[in-house]
Amino acid sequence: MAFLRLFKTPKNQQFSYKPRYWDPKKEEAEERRMRIETLQNGGVEGIKTRLRGGFRQGAGGEAAGRYRNERVRKSNYSLVIIMVVLVIITYILYNVYMPELERMLG
């Protein structure tokens, strides 16, 4: 019996992992519903919740996101223009100075 156990390969350790499903849209809708209920109830807690939500969303809301996207687009455009200019300058310098370098070296 001990001889058979010597060649027996050990089995992998098994875990009882159960994946969970998370729906961010559903969670956001639930938070929004709770926030609206709190605001409708009014009082000091409603005011606190409204202020907290305003700070969380940030100044500007969706307009700030559009502004950022516009700035990123302009930045990318500028980067492409700079790269094209550098390639043109490199090409010109290569054509001007490469023949002289070849003549000097060989």
PDB file of N, CA and C in Angstrom:
ATOM      1  N   MET A   1       0.811  -1.189   0.000  1.00  0.00           N
ATOM      2  CA  MET A   1       0.000   0.000   0.000  1.00  0.00           C
ATOM      3  C   MET A   1       0.859   1.260   0.000  1.00  0.00           C
ATOM      4  N   ALA A   2       1.931   1.272   0.769  1.00  0.00           N
ATOM      5  CA  ALA A   2       2.796   2.438   0.835  1.00  0.00           C
ATOM      6  C   ALA A   2       3.455   2.679  -0.521  1.00  0.00           C
ATOM      7  N   PHE A   3       3.684   1.602  -1.262  1.00  0.00           N
ATOM      8  CA  PHE A   3       4.293   1.730  -2.576  1.00  0.00           C
ATOM      9  C   PHE A   3       3.367   2.487  -3.540  1.00  0.00           C
ATOM     10  N   LEU A   4       2.082   2.221  -3.496  1.00  0.00           N
ATOM     11  CA  LEU A   4       1.125   2.904  -4.365  1.00  0.00           C
ATOM     12  C   LEU A   4       0.990   4.379  -3.992  1.00  0.00           C
ATOM     13  N   ARG A   5       1.070   4.678  -2.733  1.00  0.00           N
ATOM     14  CA  ARG A   5       0.939   6.055  -2.265  1.00  0.00           C
ATOM     15  C   ARG A   5       2.158   6.900  -2.671  1.00  0.00           C
ATOM     16  N   LEU A   6       3.259   6.295  -2.902  1.00  0.00           N
ATOM     17  CA  LEU A   6       4.458   7.011  -3.262  1.00  0.00           C
ATOM     18  C   LEU A   6       4.308   7.691  -4.619  1.00  0.00           C
ATOM     19  N   PHE A   7       3.584   7.078  -5.528  1.00  0.00           N
ATOM     20  CA  PHE A   7       3.430   7.618  -6.870  1.00  0.00           C
ATOM     21  C   PHE A   7       2.106   8.346  -7.080  1.00  0.00           C
ATOM     22  N   LYS A   8       1.342   8.490  -6.053  1.00  0.00           N
ATOM     23  CA  LYS A   8       0.050   9.147  -6.181  1.00  0.00           C
ATOM     24  C   LYS A   8       0.259  10.667  -6.178  1.00  0.00           C
ATOM     25  N   THR A   9      -0.282  11.341  -7.171  1.00  0.00           N
ATOM     26  CA  THR A   9      -0.112  12.793  -7.247  1.00  0.00           C
ATOM     27  C   THR A   9      -1.110  13.489  -6.317  1.00  0.00           C
ATOM     28  N   PRO A  10      -0.654  14.521  -5.643  1.00  0.00           N
ATOM     29  CA  PRO A  10      -1.574  15.235  -4.749  1.00  0.00           C
ATOM     30  C   PRO A  10      -2.605  16.023  -5.555  1.00  0.00           C
ATOM     31  N   LYS A  11      -3.798  16.151  -4.994  1.00  0.00           N
ATOM     32  CA  LYS A  11      -4.862  16.896  -5.662  1.00  0.00           C
ATOM     33  C   LYS A  11      -4.764  18.369  -5.280  1.00  0.00           C
ATOM     34  N   ASN A  12      -5.250  19.196  -6.157  1.00  0.00           N
ATOM     35  CA  ASN A  12      -5.254  20.629  -5.889  1.00  0.00           C
ATOM     36  C   ASN A  12      -6.218  20.956  -4.761  1.00  0.00           C
ATOM     37  N   GLN A  13      -5.884  22.012  -4.039  1.00  0.00           N
ATOM     38  CA  GLN A  13      -6.772  22.455  -2.974  1.00  0.00           C
ATOM     39  C   GLN A  13      -7.984  23.132  -3.607  1.00  0.00           C
ATOM     40  N   GLN A  14      -9.162  22.798  -3.117  1.00  0.00           N
ATOM     41  CA  GLN A  14     -10.382  23.347  -3.686  1.00  0.00           C
ATOM     42  C   GLN A  14     -10.980  24.381  -2.743  1.00  0.00           C
ATOM     43  N   PHE A  15     -11.483  25.449  -3.344  1.00  0.00           N
ATOM     44  CA  PHE A  15     -12.115  26.512  -2.577  1.00  0.00           C
ATOM     45  C   PHE A  15     -13.587  26.586  -2.957  1.00  0.00           C
ATOM     46  N   SER A  16     -14.382  27.065  -2.049  1.00  0.00           N
ATOM     47  CA  SER A  16     -15.810  27.196  -2.345  1.00  0.00           C
ATOM     48  C   SER A  16     -16.107  28.651  -2.716  1.00  0.00           C
ATOM     49  N   TYR A  17     -15.588  29.078  -3.849  1.00  0.00           N
ATOM     50  CA  TYR A  17     -15.764  30.454  -4.310  1.00  0.00           C
ATOM     51  C   TYR A  17     -17.043  30.543  -5.129  1.00  0.00           C
ATOM     52  N   LYS A  18     -17.909  31.459  -4.747  1.00  0.00           N
ATOM     53  CA  LYS A  18     -19.144  31.681  -5.494  1.00  0.00           C
ATOM     54  C   LYS A  18     -19.120  33.118  -6.008  1.00  0.00           C
ATOM     55  N   PRO A  19     -18.969  33.304  -7.310  1.00  0.00           N
ATOM     56  CA  PRO A  19     -18.900  34.668  -7.842  1.00  0.00           C
ATOM     57  C   PRO A  19     -20.224  35.400  -7.647  1.00  0.00           C
ATOM     58  N   ARG A  20     -20.111  36.708  -7.396  1.00  0.00           N
ATOM     59  CA  ARG A  20     -21.296  37.533  -7.208  1.00  0.00           C
ATOM     60  C   ARG A  20     -21.441  38.462  -8.396  1.00  0.00           C
ATOM     61  N   TYR A  21     -22.695  38.779  -8.698  1.00  0.00           N
ATOM     62  CA  TYR A  21     -22.964  39.701  -9.792  1.00  0.00           C
ATOM     63  C   TYR A  21     -23.202  41.083  -9.214  1.00  0.00           C
ATOM     64  N   TRP A  22     -22.547  42.087  -9.783  1.00  0.00           N
ATOM     65  CA  TRP A  22     -22.700  43.461  -9.316  1.00  0.00           C
ATOM     66  C   TRP A  22     -23.162  44.323 -10.478  1.00  0.00           C
ATOM     67  N   ASP A  23     -24.279  44.992 -10.297  1.00  0.00           N
ATOM     68  CA  ASP A  23     -24.839  45.846 -11.332  1.00  0.00           C
ATOM     69  C   ASP A  23     -24.688  47.302 -10.911  1.00  0.00           C
ATOM     70  N   PRO A  24     -23.720  48.033 -11.469  1.00  0.00           N
ATOM     71  CA  PRO A  24     -23.508  49.421 -11.040  1.00  0.00           C
ATOM     72  C   PRO A  24     -24.697  50.322 -11.356  1.00  0.00           C
ATOM     73  N   LYS A  25     -25.400  50.057 -12.464  1.00  0.00           N
ATOM     74  CA  LYS A  25     -26.555  50.889 -12.809  1.00  0.00           C
ATOM     75  C   LYS A  25     -27.666  50.722 -11.782  1.00  0.00           C
ATOM     76  N   LYS A  26     -27.884  49.490 -11.371  1.00  0.00           N
ATOM     77  CA  LYS A  26     -28.923  49.234 -10.379  1.00  0.00           C
ATOM     78  C   LYS A  26     -28.552  49.891  -9.046  1.00  0.00           C
ATOM     79  N   GLU A  27     -27.280  49.795  -8.673  1.00  0.00           N
ATOM     80  CA  GLU A  27     -26.839  50.402  -7.416  1.00  0.00           C
ATOM     81  C   GLU A  27     -26.976  51.925  -7.470  1.00  0.00           C
ATOM     82  N   GLU A  28     -26.622  52.521  -8.601  1.00  0.00           N
ATOM     83  CA  GLU A  28     -26.751  53.966  -8.748  1.00  0.00           C
ATOM     84  C   GLU A  28     -28.219  54.390  -8.695  1.00  0.00           C
ATOM     85  N   ALA A  29     -29.097  53.613  -9.342  1.00  0.00           N
ATOM     86  CA  ALA A  29     -30.525  53.933  -9.308  1.00  0.00           C
ATOM     87  C   ALA A  29     -31.067  53.833  -7.887  1.00  0.00           C
ATOM     88  N   GLU A  30     -30.617  52.838  -7.147  1.00  0.00           N
ATOM     89  CA  GLU A  30     -31.058  52.679  -5.753  1.00  0.00           C
ATOM     90  C   GLU A  30     -30.586  53.857  -4.897  1.00  0.00           C
ATOM     91  N   GLU A  31     -29.344  54.272  -5.072  1.00  0.00           N
ATOM     92  CA  GLU A  31     -28.829  55.424  -4.324  1.00  0.00           C
ATOM     93  C   GLU A  31     -29.609  56.688  -4.675  1.00  0.00           C
ATOM     94  N   ARG A  32     -29.915  56.868  -5.965  1.00  0.00           N
ATOM     95  CA  ARG A  32     -30.674  58.031  -6.402  1.00  0.00           C
ATOM     96  C   ARG A  32     -32.076  58.030  -5.789  1.00  0.00           C
ATOM     97  N   ARG A  33     -32.711  56.854  -5.764  1.00  0.00           N
ATOM     98  CA  ARG A  33     -34.047  56.747  -5.181  1.00  0.00           C
ATOM     99  C   ARG A  33     -34.017  57.086  -3.700  1.00  0.00           C
ATOM    100  N   MET A  34     -33.018  56.571  -2.987  1.00  0.00           N
ATOM    101  CA  MET A  34     -32.901  56.869  -1.552  1.00  0.00           C
ATOM    102  C   MET A  34     -32.641  58.359  -1.335  1.00  0.00           C
ATOM    103  N   ARG A  35     -31.818  58.965  -2.186  1.00  0.00           N
ATOM    104  CA  ARG A  35     -31.523  60.384  -2.059  1.00  0.00           C
ATOM    105  C   ARG A  35     -32.783  61.219  -2.276  1.00  0.00           C
ATOM    106  N   ILE A  36     -33.573  60.847  -3.283  1.00  0.00           N
ATOM    107  CA  ILE A  36     -34.808  61.579  -3.560  1.00  0.00           C
ATOM    108  C   ILE A  36     -35.790  61.437  -2.411  1.00  0.00           C
ATOM    109  N   GLU A  37     -35.898  60.229  -1.859  1.00  0.00           N
ATOM    110  CA  GLU A  37     -36.791  60.032  -0.709  1.00  0.00           C
ATOM    111  C   GLU A  37     -36.350  60.894   0.470  1.00  0.00           C
ATOM    112  N   THR A  38     -35.048  60.956   0.713  1.00  0.00           N
ATOM    113  CA  THR A  38     -34.542  61.761   1.825  1.00  0.00           C
ATOM    114  C   THR A  38     -34.813  63.242   1.581  1.00  0.00           C
ATOM    115  N   LEU A  39     -34.637  63.682   0.325  1.00  0.00           N
ATOM    116  CA  LEU A  39     -34.906  65.084   0.004  1.00  0.00           C
ATOM    117  C   LEU A  39     -36.384  65.417   0.157  1.00  0.00           C
ATOM    118  N   GLN A  40     -37.249  64.483  -0.217  1.00  0.00           N
ATOM    119  CA  GLN A  40     -38.683  64.723  -0.095  1.00  0.00           C
ATOM    120  C   GLN A  40     -39.114  64.772   1.359  1.00  0.00           C
ATOM    121  N   ASN A  41     -38.472  63.973   2.198  1.00  0.00           N
ATOM    122  CA  ASN A  41     -38.812  64.006   3.617  1.00  0.00           C
ATOM    123  C   ASN A  41     -38.408  65.344   4.223  1.00  0.00           C
ATOM    124  N   GLY A  42     -37.398  65.993   3.657  1.00  0.00           N
ATOM    125  CA  GLY A  42     -36.988  67.325   4.089  1.00  0.00           C
ATOM    126  C   GLY A  42     -36.197  67.281   5.377  1.00  0.00           C
ATOM    127  N   GLY A  43     -36.162  68.419   6.051  1.00  0.00           N
ATOM    128  CA  GLY A  43     -35.445  68.512   7.311  1.00  0.00           C
ATOM    129  C   GLY A  43     -33.959  68.694   7.107  1.00  0.00           C
ATOM    130  N   VAL A  44     -33.257  68.623   8.209  1.00  0.00           N
ATOM    131  CA  VAL A  44     -31.808  68.828   8.207  1.00  0.00           C
ATOM    132  C   VAL A  44     -31.105  67.710   7.448  1.00  0.00           C
ATOM    133  N   GLU A  45     -31.576  66.488   7.603  1.00  0.00           N
ATOM    134  CA  GLU A  45     -30.935  65.358   6.909  1.00  0.00           C
ATOM    135  C   GLU A  45     -31.060  65.506   5.395  1.00  0.00           C
ATOM    136  N   GLY A  46     -32.187  66.011   4.931  1.00  0.00           N
ATOM    137  CA  GLY A  46     -32.373  66.232   3.498  1.00  0.00           C
ATOM    138  C   GLY A  46     -31.390  67.249   2.956  1.00  0.00           C
ATOM    139  N   ILE A  47     -31.183  68.313   3.709  1.00  0.00           N
ATOM    140  CA  ILE A  47     -30.232  69.347   3.289  1.00  0.00           C
ATOM    141  C   ILE A  47     -28.814  68.785   3.259  1.00  0.00           C
ATOM    142  N   LYS A  48     -28.469  68.006   4.292  1.00  0.00           N
ATOM    143  CA  LYS A  48     -27.132  67.402   4.332  1.00  0.00           C
ATOM    144  C   LYS A  48     -26.919  66.482   3.137  1.00  0.00           C
ATOM    145  N   THR A  49     -27.931  65.688   2.830  1.00  0.00           N
ATOM    146  CA  THR A  49     -27.812  64.753   1.712  1.00  0.00           C
ATOM    147  C   THR A  49     -27.656  65.502   0.395  1.00  0.00           C
ATOM    148  N   ARG A  50     -28.423  66.568   0.221  1.00  0.00           N
ATOM    149  CA  ARG A  50     -28.342  67.342  -1.015  1.00  0.00           C
ATOM    150  C   ARG A  50     -26.955  67.961  -1.178  1.00  0.00           C
ATOM    151  N   LEU A  51     -26.415  68.505  -0.091  1.00  0.00           N
ATOM    152  CA  LEU A  51     -25.075  69.093  -0.149  1.00  0.00           C
ATOM    153  C   LEU A  51     -24.019  68.037  -0.429  1.00  0.00           C
ATOM    154  N   ARG A  52     -24.147  66.890   0.229  1.00  0.00           N
ATOM    155  CA  ARG A  52     -23.189  65.806   0.038  1.00  0.00           C
ATOM    156  C   ARG A  52     -23.200  65.337  -1.415  1.00  0.00           C
ATOM    157  N   GLY A  53     -24.392  65.221  -1.992  1.00  0.00           N
ATOM    158  CA  GLY A  53     -24.502  64.805  -3.386  1.00  0.00           C
ATOM    159  C   GLY A  53     -23.891  65.822  -4.331  1.00  0.00           C
ATOM    160  N   GLY A  54     -24.056  67.107  -4.005  1.00  0.00           N
ATOM    161  CA  GLY A  54     -23.467  68.145  -4.842  1.00  0.00           C
ATOM    162  C   GLY A  54     -21.958  68.092  -4.829  1.00  0.00           C
ATOM    163  N   PHE A  55     -21.373  67.846  -3.661  1.00  0.00           N
ATOM    164  CA  PHE A  55     -19.916  67.741  -3.578  1.00  0.00           C
ATOM    165  C   PHE A  55     -19.422  66.495  -4.299  1.00  0.00           C
ATOM    166  N   ARG A  56     -20.185  65.425  -4.222  1.00  0.00           N
ATOM    167  CA  ARG A  56     -19.770  64.175  -4.844  1.00  0.00           C
ATOM    168  C   ARG A  56     -19.760  64.315  -6.363  1.00  0.00           C
ATOM    169  N   GLN A  57     -20.775  64.991  -6.919  1.00  0.00           N
ATOM    170  CA  GLN A  57     -20.849  65.142  -8.368  1.00  0.00           C
ATOM    171  C   GLN A  57     -19.821  66.137  -8.877  1.00  0.00           C
ATOM    172  N   GLY A  58     -19.438  67.073  -8.048  1.00  0.00           N
ATOM    173  CA  GLY A  58     -18.448  68.058  -8.450  1.00  0.00           C
ATOM    174  C   GLY A  58     -19.100  69.241  -9.125  1.00  0.00           C
ATOM    175  N   ALA A  59     -18.346  70.285  -9.261  1.00  0.00           N
ATOM    176  CA  ALA A  59     -18.876  71.505  -9.871  1.00  0.00           C
ATOM    177  C   ALA A  59     -19.056  71.294 -11.363  1.00  0.00           C
ATOM    178  N   GLY A  60     -20.206  71.652 -11.860  1.00  0.00           N
ATOM    179  CA  GLY A  60     -20.443  71.575 -13.295  1.00  0.00           C
ATOM    180  C   GLY A  60     -21.196  70.338 -13.733  1.00  0.00           C
ATOM    181  N   GLY A  61     -21.152  69.263 -12.989  1.00  0.00           N
ATOM    182  CA  GLY A  61     -21.871  68.046 -13.371  1.00  0.00           C
ATOM    183  C   GLY A  61     -21.356  67.495 -14.682  1.00  0.00           C
ATOM    184  N   GLU A  62     -22.285  67.236 -15.610  1.00  0.00           N
ATOM    185  CA  GLU A  62     -21.906  66.659 -16.899  1.00  0.00           C
ATOM    186  C   GLU A  62     -21.164  67.660 -17.775  1.00  0.00           C
ATOM    187  N   ALA A  63     -21.429  68.948 -17.581  1.00  0.00           N
ATOM    188  CA  ALA A  63     -20.747  69.965 -18.388  1.00  0.00           C
ATOM    189  C   ALA A  63     -19.241  69.904 -18.164  1.00  0.00           C
ATOM    190  N   ALA A  64     -18.820  69.612 -16.929  1.00  0.00           N
ATOM    191  CA  ALA A  64     -17.390  69.504 -16.647  1.00  0.00           C
ATOM    192  C   ALA A  64     -16.785  68.335 -17.413  1.00  0.00           C
ATOM    193  N   GLY A  65     -17.522  67.240 -17.548  1.00  0.00           N
ATOM    194  CA  GLY A  65     -17.035  66.090 -18.308  1.00  0.00           C
ATOM    195  C   GLY A  65     -16.882  66.413 -19.783  1.00  0.00           C
ATOM    196  N   ARG A  66     -17.851  67.152 -20.333  1.00  0.00           N
ATOM    197  CA  ARG A  66     -17.749  67.551 -21.741  1.00  0.00           C
ATOM    198  C   ARG A  66     -16.572  68.504 -21.948  1.00  0.00           C
ATOM    199  N   TYR A  67     -16.386  69.417 -21.008  1.00  0.00           N
ATOM    200  CA  TYR A  67     -15.264  70.357 -21.097  1.00  0.00           C
ATOM    201  C   TYR A  67     -13.947  69.599 -21.079  1.00  0.00           C
ATOM    202  N   ARG A  68     -13.848  68.599 -20.201  1.00  0.00           N
ATOM    203  CA  ARG A  68     -12.622  67.806 -20.116  1.00  0.00           C
ATOM    204  C   ARG A  68     -12.389  67.059 -21.424  1.00  0.00           C
ATOM    205  N   ASN A  69     -13.444  66.462 -21.981  1.00  0.00           N
ATOM    206  CA  ASN A  69     -13.297  65.743 -23.244  1.00  0.00           C
ATOM    207  C   ASN A  69     -12.835  66.677 -24.358  1.00  0.00           C
ATOM    208  N   GLU A  70     -13.370  67.896 -24.361  1.00  0.00           N
ATOM    209  CA  GLU A  70     -12.960  68.872 -25.362  1.00  0.00           C
ATOM    210  C   GLU A  70     -11.486  69.236 -25.198  1.00  0.00           C
ATOM    211  N   ARG A  71     -11.053  69.426 -23.976  1.00  0.00           N
ATOM    212  CA  ARG A  71      -9.654  69.761 -23.712  1.00  0.00           C
ATOM    213  C   ARG A  71      -8.735  68.600 -24.108  1.00  0.00           C
ATOM    214  N   VAL A  72      -9.147  67.378 -23.829  1.00  0.00           N
ATOM    215  CA  VAL A  72      -8.332  66.215 -24.202  1.00  0.00           C
ATOM    216  C   VAL A  72      -8.209  66.140 -25.717  1.00  0.00           C
ATOM    217  N   ARG A  73      -9.303  66.376 -26.420  1.00  0.00           N
ATOM    218  CA  ARG A  73      -9.282  66.342 -27.877  1.00  0.00           C
ATOM    219  C   ARG A  73      -8.324  67.404 -28.423  1.00  0.00           C
ATOM    220  N   LYS A  74      -8.378  68.624 -27.872  1.00  0.00           N
ATOM    221  CA  LYS A  74      -7.471  69.683 -28.316  1.00  0.00           C
ATOM    222  C   LYS A  74      -6.019  69.331 -28.011  1.00  0.00           C
ATOM    223  N   SER A  75      -5.795  68.736 -26.857  1.00  0.00           N
ATOM    224  CA  SER A  75      -4.443  68.344 -26.481  1.00  0.00           C
ATOM    225  C   SER A  75      -3.904  67.284 -27.440  1.00  0.00           C
ATOM    226  N   ASN A  76      -4.724  66.307 -27.778  1.00  0.00           N
ATOM    227  CA  ASN A  76      -4.298  65.268 -28.713  1.00  0.00           C
ATOM    228  C   ASN A  76      -4.006  65.864 -30.091  1.00  0.00           C
ATOM    229  N   TYR A  77      -4.831  66.802 -30.520  1.00  0.00           N
ATOM    230  CA  TYR A  77      -4.614  67.460 -31.806  1.00  0.00           C
ATOM    231  C   TYR A  77      -3.281  68.209 -31.804  1.00  0.00           C
ATOM    232  N   SER A  78      -3.006  68.920 -30.729  1.00  0.00           N
ATOM    233  CA  SER A  78      -1.735  69.646 -30.619  1.00  0.00           C
ATOM    234  C   SER A  78      -0.559  68.681 -30.649  1.00  0.00           C
ATOM    235  N   LEU A  79      -0.695  67.562 -29.982  1.00  0.00           N
ATOM    236  CA  LEU A  79       0.372  66.564 -29.961  1.00  0.00           C
ATOM    237  C   LEU A  79       0.651  66.029 -31.363  1.00  0.00           C
ATOM    238  N   VAL A  80      -0.386  65.765 -32.126  1.00  0.00           N
ATOM    239  CA  VAL A  80      -0.210  65.269 -33.491  1.00  0.00           C
ATOM    240  C   VAL A  80       0.486  66.322 -34.347  1.00  0.00           C
ATOM    241  N   ILE A  81       0.085  67.572 -34.211  1.00  0.00           N
ATOM    242  CA  ILE A  81       0.717  68.653 -34.983  1.00  0.00           C
ATOM    243  C   ILE A  81       2.204  68.757 -34.641  1.00  0.00           C
ATOM    244  N   ILE A  82       2.534  68.701 -33.364  1.00  0.00           N
ATOM    245  CA  ILE A  82       3.936  68.780 -32.935  1.00  0.00           C
ATOM    246  C   ILE A  82       4.737  67.614 -33.508  1.00  0.00           C
ATOM    247  N   MET A  83       4.158  66.417 -33.493  1.00  0.00           N
ATOM    248  CA  MET A  83       4.870  65.252 -34.029  1.00  0.00           C
ATOM    249  C   MET A  83       5.111  65.397 -35.527  1.00  0.00           C
ATOM    250  N   VAL A  84       4.128  65.905 -36.257  1.00  0.00           N
ATOM    251  CA  VAL A  84       4.292  66.095 -37.704  1.00  0.00           C
ATOM    252  C   VAL A  84       5.396  67.112 -37.977  1.00  0.00           C
ATOM    253  N   VAL A  85       5.410  68.206 -37.227  1.00  0.00           N
ATOM    254  CA  VAL A  85       6.447  69.225 -37.405  1.00  0.00           C
ATOM    255  C   VAL A  85       7.828  68.634 -37.121  1.00  0.00           C
ATOM    256  N   LEU A  86       7.944  67.839 -36.060  1.00  0.00           N
ATOM    257  CA  LEU A  86       9.235  67.219 -35.740  1.00  0.00           C
ATOM    258  C   LEU A  86       9.686  66.255 -36.830  1.00  0.00           C
ATOM    259  N   VAL A  87       8.764  65.505 -37.393  1.00  0.00           N
ATOM    260  CA  VAL A  87       9.123  64.581 -38.475  1.00  0.00           C
ATOM    261  C   VAL A  87       9.605  65.364 -39.693  1.00  0.00           C
ATOM    262  N   ILE A  88       8.937  66.459 -40.016  1.00  0.00           N
ATOM    263  CA  ILE A  88       9.355  67.279 -41.166  1.00  0.00           C
ATOM    264  C   ILE A  88      10.742  67.872 -40.929  1.00  0.00           C
ATOM    265  N   ILE A  89      10.981  68.399 -39.734  1.00  0.00           N
ATOM    266  CA  ILE A  89      12.300  68.966 -39.414  1.00  0.00           C
ATOM    267  C   ILE A  89      13.375  67.889 -39.496  1.00  0.00           C
ATOM    268  N   THR A  90      13.090  66.701 -38.978  1.00  0.00           N
ATOM    269  CA  THR A  90      14.053  65.601 -39.037  1.00  0.00           C
ATOM    270  C   THR A  90      14.353  65.218 -40.481  1.00  0.00           C
ATOM    271  N   TYR A  91      13.335  65.163 -41.320  1.00  0.00           N
ATOM    272  CA  TYR A  91      13.519  64.819 -42.730  1.00  0.00           C
ATOM    273  C   TYR A  91      14.403  65.853 -43.435  1.00  0.00           C
ATOM    274  N   ILE A  92      14.134  67.122 -43.170  1.00  0.00           N
ATOM    275  CA  ILE A  92      14.930  68.185 -43.797  1.00  0.00           C
ATOM    276  C   ILE A  92      16.384  68.110 -43.336  1.00  0.00           C
ATOM    277  N   LEU A  93      16.597  67.976 -42.030  1.00  0.00           N
ATOM    278  CA  LEU A  93      17.967  67.886 -41.517  1.00  0.00           C
ATOM    279  C   LEU A  93      18.685  66.654 -42.066  1.00  0.00           C
ATOM    280  N   TYR A  94      17.973  65.561 -42.202  1.00  0.00           N
ATOM    281  CA  TYR A  94      18.569  64.336 -42.746  1.00  0.00           C
ATOM    282  C   TYR A  94      19.016  64.557 -44.190  1.00  0.00           C
ATOM    283  N   ASN A  95      18.177  65.190 -44.983  1.00  0.00           N
ATOM    284  CA  ASN A  95      18.532  65.430 -46.389  1.00  0.00           C
ATOM    285  C   ASN A  95      19.653  66.450 -46.539  1.00  0.00           C
ATOM    286  N   VAL A  96      19.753  67.411 -45.638  1.00  0.00           N
ATOM    287  CA  VAL A  96      20.784  68.445 -45.753  1.00  0.00           C
ATOM    288  C   VAL A  96      22.130  67.928 -45.258  1.00  0.00           C
ATOM    289  N   TYR A  97      22.151  67.288 -44.090  1.00  0.00           N
ATOM    290  CA  TYR A  97      23.430  66.935 -43.460  1.00  0.00           C
ATOM    291  C   TYR A  97      23.905  65.511 -43.756  1.00  0.00           C
ATOM    292  N   MET A  98      23.055  64.626 -44.198  1.00  0.00           N
ATOM    293  CA  MET A  98      23.487  63.252 -44.441  1.00  0.00           C
ATOM    294  C   MET A  98      24.487  63.153 -45.589  1.00  0.00           C
ATOM    295  N   PRO A  99      24.285  63.839 -46.710  1.00  0.00           N
ATOM    296  CA  PRO A  99      25.303  63.750 -47.782  1.00  0.00           C
ATOM    297  C   PRO A  99      26.679  64.245 -47.328  1.00  0.00           C
ATOM    298  N   GLU A 100      26.720  65.296 -46.520  1.00  0.00           N
ATOM    299  CA  GLU A 100      28.003  65.795 -46.029  1.00  0.00           C
ATOM    300  C   GLU A 100      28.661  64.782 -45.102  1.00  0.00           C
ATOM    301  N   LEU A 101      27.869  64.130 -44.251  1.00  0.00           N
ATOM    302  CA  LEU A 101      28.425  63.112 -43.356  1.00  0.00           C
ATOM    303  C   LEU A 101      28.961  61.923 -44.144  1.00  0.00           C
ATOM    304  N   GLU A 102      28.243  61.507 -45.178  1.00  0.00           N
ATOM    305  CA  GLU A 102      28.716  60.392 -46.004  1.00  0.00           C
ATOM    306  C   GLU A 102      30.019  60.761 -46.715  1.00  0.00           C
ATOM    307  N   ARG A 103      30.102  61.996 -47.188  1.00  0.00           N
ATOM    308  CA  ARG A 103      31.307  62.460 -47.879  1.00  0.00           C
ATOM    309  C   ARG A 103      32.485  62.498 -46.916  1.00  0.00           C
ATOM    310  N   MET A 104      32.251  62.964 -45.669  1.00  0.00           N
ATOM    311  CA  MET A 104      33.338  63.048 -44.694  1.00  0.00           C
ATOM    312  C   MET A 104      33.785  61.661 -44.230  1.00  0.00           C
ATOM    313  N   LEU A 105      32.856  60.737 -44.077  1.00  0.00           N
ATOM    314  CA  LEU A 105      33.201  59.413 -43.565  1.00  0.00           C
ATOM    315  C   LEU A 105      33.739  58.479 -44.650  1.00  0.00           C
ATOM    316  N   GLY A 106      33.365  58.718 -45.847  1.00  0.00           N
ATOM    317  CA  GLY A 106      33.831  57.694 -46.715  1.00  0.00           C
ATOM    318  C   GLY A 106      33.997  57.976 -48.115  1.00  0.00           C
TER     319      GLY A 106
END
